[in-house]
Amino acid sequence: MHHEFTAVYERDGDWVIAFCPEVPGANGQGRSKAEARESLAAAITLVLEDRRDDGLRGVPDDAEKELISVDVRAA
């Protein structure tokens, strides 16, 4: 499944710090922008997987579940 998120980068000395405003708690860092992007992508994946697991906790086994896709376009 393909998702797109916003990555914001800031320089802090020798480090590049990254965060994603759409996914609070997802942060990354690296010595280069590419490293920070990779770190942020891993953090986004972990946060979303954790939120899905947490959200499905307690859902009855016989409940119907499906994946849906949404297309959100920037204004």
C-alpha atoms as a PDB file:
ATOM      1  CA  MET A   1       0.000   0.000   0.000  1.00  0.00           C
ATOM      2  CA  HIS A   2       1.359   3.416  -0.937  1.00  0.00           C
ATOM      3  CA  HIS A   3       1.162   6.367   1.459  1.00  0.00           C
ATOM      4  CA  GLU A   4       2.670   9.816   1.220  1.00  0.00           C
ATOM      5  CA  PHE A   5       3.618  11.927   4.214  1.00  0.00           C
ATOM      6  CA  THR A   6       5.309  15.262   4.755  1.00  0.00           C
ATOM      7  CA  ALA A   7       8.889  15.212   6.015  1.00  0.00           C
ATOM      8  CA  VAL A   8      10.292  18.333   7.673  1.00  0.00           C
ATOM      9  CA  TYR A   9      14.083  18.581   8.015  1.00  0.00           C
ATOM     10  CA  GLU A  10      16.144  20.809  10.286  1.00  0.00           C
ATOM     11  CA  ARG A  11      19.893  20.968  10.722  1.00  0.00           C
ATOM     12  CA  ASP A  12      21.251  20.642  14.290  1.00  0.00           C
ATOM     13  CA  GLY A  13      25.012  20.880  14.161  1.00  0.00           C
ATOM     14  CA  ASP A  14      26.285  17.796  12.330  1.00  0.00           C
ATOM     15  CA  TRP A  15      22.849  16.135  12.438  1.00  0.00           C
ATOM     16  CA  VAL A  16      19.753  16.379  10.290  1.00  0.00           C
ATOM     17  CA  ILE A  17      16.582  16.018  12.363  1.00  0.00           C
ATOM     18  CA  ALA A  18      13.331  15.022  10.645  1.00  0.00           C
ATOM     19  CA  PHE A  19       9.715  14.826  11.738  1.00  0.00           C
ATOM     20  CA  CYS A  20       6.361  14.103  10.163  1.00  0.00           C
ATOM     21  CA  PRO A  21       3.528  16.495  11.108  1.00  0.00           C
ATOM     22  CA  GLU A  22       0.836  13.977  10.054  1.00  0.00           C
ATOM     23  CA  VAL A  23       2.182  11.275  12.380  1.00  0.00           C
ATOM     24  CA  PRO A  24       2.896  12.726  15.827  1.00  0.00           C
ATOM     25  CA  GLY A  25       5.762  10.912  17.496  1.00  0.00           C
ATOM     26  CA  ALA A  26       7.456   9.923  14.238  1.00  0.00           C
ATOM     27  CA  ASN A  27      10.941  11.443  14.247  1.00  0.00           C
ATOM     28  CA  GLY A  28      14.201  10.584  12.536  1.00  0.00           C
ATOM     29  CA  GLN A  29      17.779  11.711  12.450  1.00  0.00           C
ATOM     30  CA  GLY A  30      20.962  11.144  10.519  1.00  0.00           C
ATOM     31  CA  ARG A  31      24.235  12.678   9.462  1.00  0.00           C
ATOM     32  CA  SER A  32      22.697  13.394   6.045  1.00  0.00           C
ATOM     33  CA  LYS A  33      19.220  14.161   4.745  1.00  0.00           C
ATOM     34  CA  ALA A  34      19.079  10.688   3.174  1.00  0.00           C
ATOM     35  CA  GLU A  35      19.871   9.033   6.534  1.00  0.00           C
ATOM     36  CA  ALA A  36      17.295  11.198   8.295  1.00  0.00           C
ATOM     37  CA  ARG A  37      14.687  10.314   5.629  1.00  0.00           C
ATOM     38  CA  GLU A  38      15.363   6.595   6.057  1.00  0.00           C
ATOM     39  CA  SER A  39      15.185   6.899   9.848  1.00  0.00           C
ATOM     40  CA  LEU A  40      11.926   8.885   9.625  1.00  0.00           C
ATOM     41  CA  ALA A  41      10.363   6.355   7.240  1.00  0.00           C
ATOM     42  CA  ALA A  42      11.160   3.544   9.699  1.00  0.00           C
ATOM     43  CA  ALA A  43       9.684   5.582  12.566  1.00  0.00           C
ATOM     44  CA  ILE A  44       6.472   6.299  10.616  1.00  0.00           C
ATOM     45  CA  THR A  45       6.082   2.592   9.872  1.00  0.00           C
ATOM     46  CA  LEU A  46       6.567   1.630  13.524  1.00  0.00           C
ATOM     47  CA  VAL A  47       4.140   4.274  14.817  1.00  0.00           C
ATOM     48  CA  LEU A  48       1.416   3.317  12.323  1.00  0.00           C
ATOM     49  CA  GLU A  49       1.828  -0.420  12.977  1.00  0.00           C
ATOM     50  CA  ASP A  50       1.579   0.203  16.722  1.00  0.00           C
ATOM     51  CA  ARG A  51      -1.532   2.369  16.311  1.00  0.00           C
ATOM     52  CA  ARG A  52      -3.189  -0.284  14.129  1.00  0.00           C
ATOM     53  CA  ASP A  53      -2.419  -3.030  16.656  1.00  0.00           C
ATOM     54  CA  ASP A  54      -3.652  -0.854  19.515  1.00  0.00           C
ATOM     55  CA  GLY A  55      -6.816   0.123  17.628  1.00  0.00           C
ATOM     56  CA  LEU A  56      -7.673  -3.511  16.843  1.00  0.00           C
ATOM     57  CA  ARG A  57      -7.170  -4.709  20.402  1.00  0.00           C
ATOM     58  CA  GLY A  58     -10.515  -5.828  21.738  1.00  0.00           C
ATOM     59  CA  VAL A  59     -12.217  -6.046  18.340  1.00  0.00           C
ATOM     60  CA  PRO A  60     -14.258  -9.270  18.278  1.00  0.00           C
ATOM     61  CA  ASP A  61     -12.839 -12.061  16.099  1.00  0.00           C
ATOM     62  CA  ASP A  62     -16.073 -12.247  14.096  1.00  0.00           C
ATOM     63  CA  ALA A  63     -16.068  -8.515  13.267  1.00  0.00           C
ATOM     64  CA  GLU A  64     -15.643  -7.770   9.570  1.00  0.00           C
ATOM     65  CA  LYS A  65     -12.394  -5.968   8.737  1.00  0.00           C
ATOM     66  CA  GLU A  66     -11.011  -4.710   5.443  1.00  0.00           C
ATOM     67  CA  LEU A  67      -8.316  -2.338   4.238  1.00  0.00           C
ATOM     68  CA  ILE A  68      -9.426   0.824   2.467  1.00  0.00           C
ATOM     69  CA  SER A  69      -7.413   3.293   0.410  1.00  0.00           C
ATOM     70  CA  VAL A  70      -7.916   7.032   0.397  1.00  0.00           C
ATOM     71  CA  ASP A  71      -6.513   9.575  -2.012  1.00  0.00           C
ATOM     72  CA  VAL A  72      -5.810  12.873  -0.258  1.00  0.00           C
ATOM     73  CA  ARG A  73      -4.571  15.647  -2.477  1.00  0.00           C
ATOM     74  CA  ALA A  74      -2.797  18.746  -1.234  1.00  0.00           C
ATOM     75  CA  ALA A  75      -4.635  21.984  -1.884  1.00  0.00           C
END
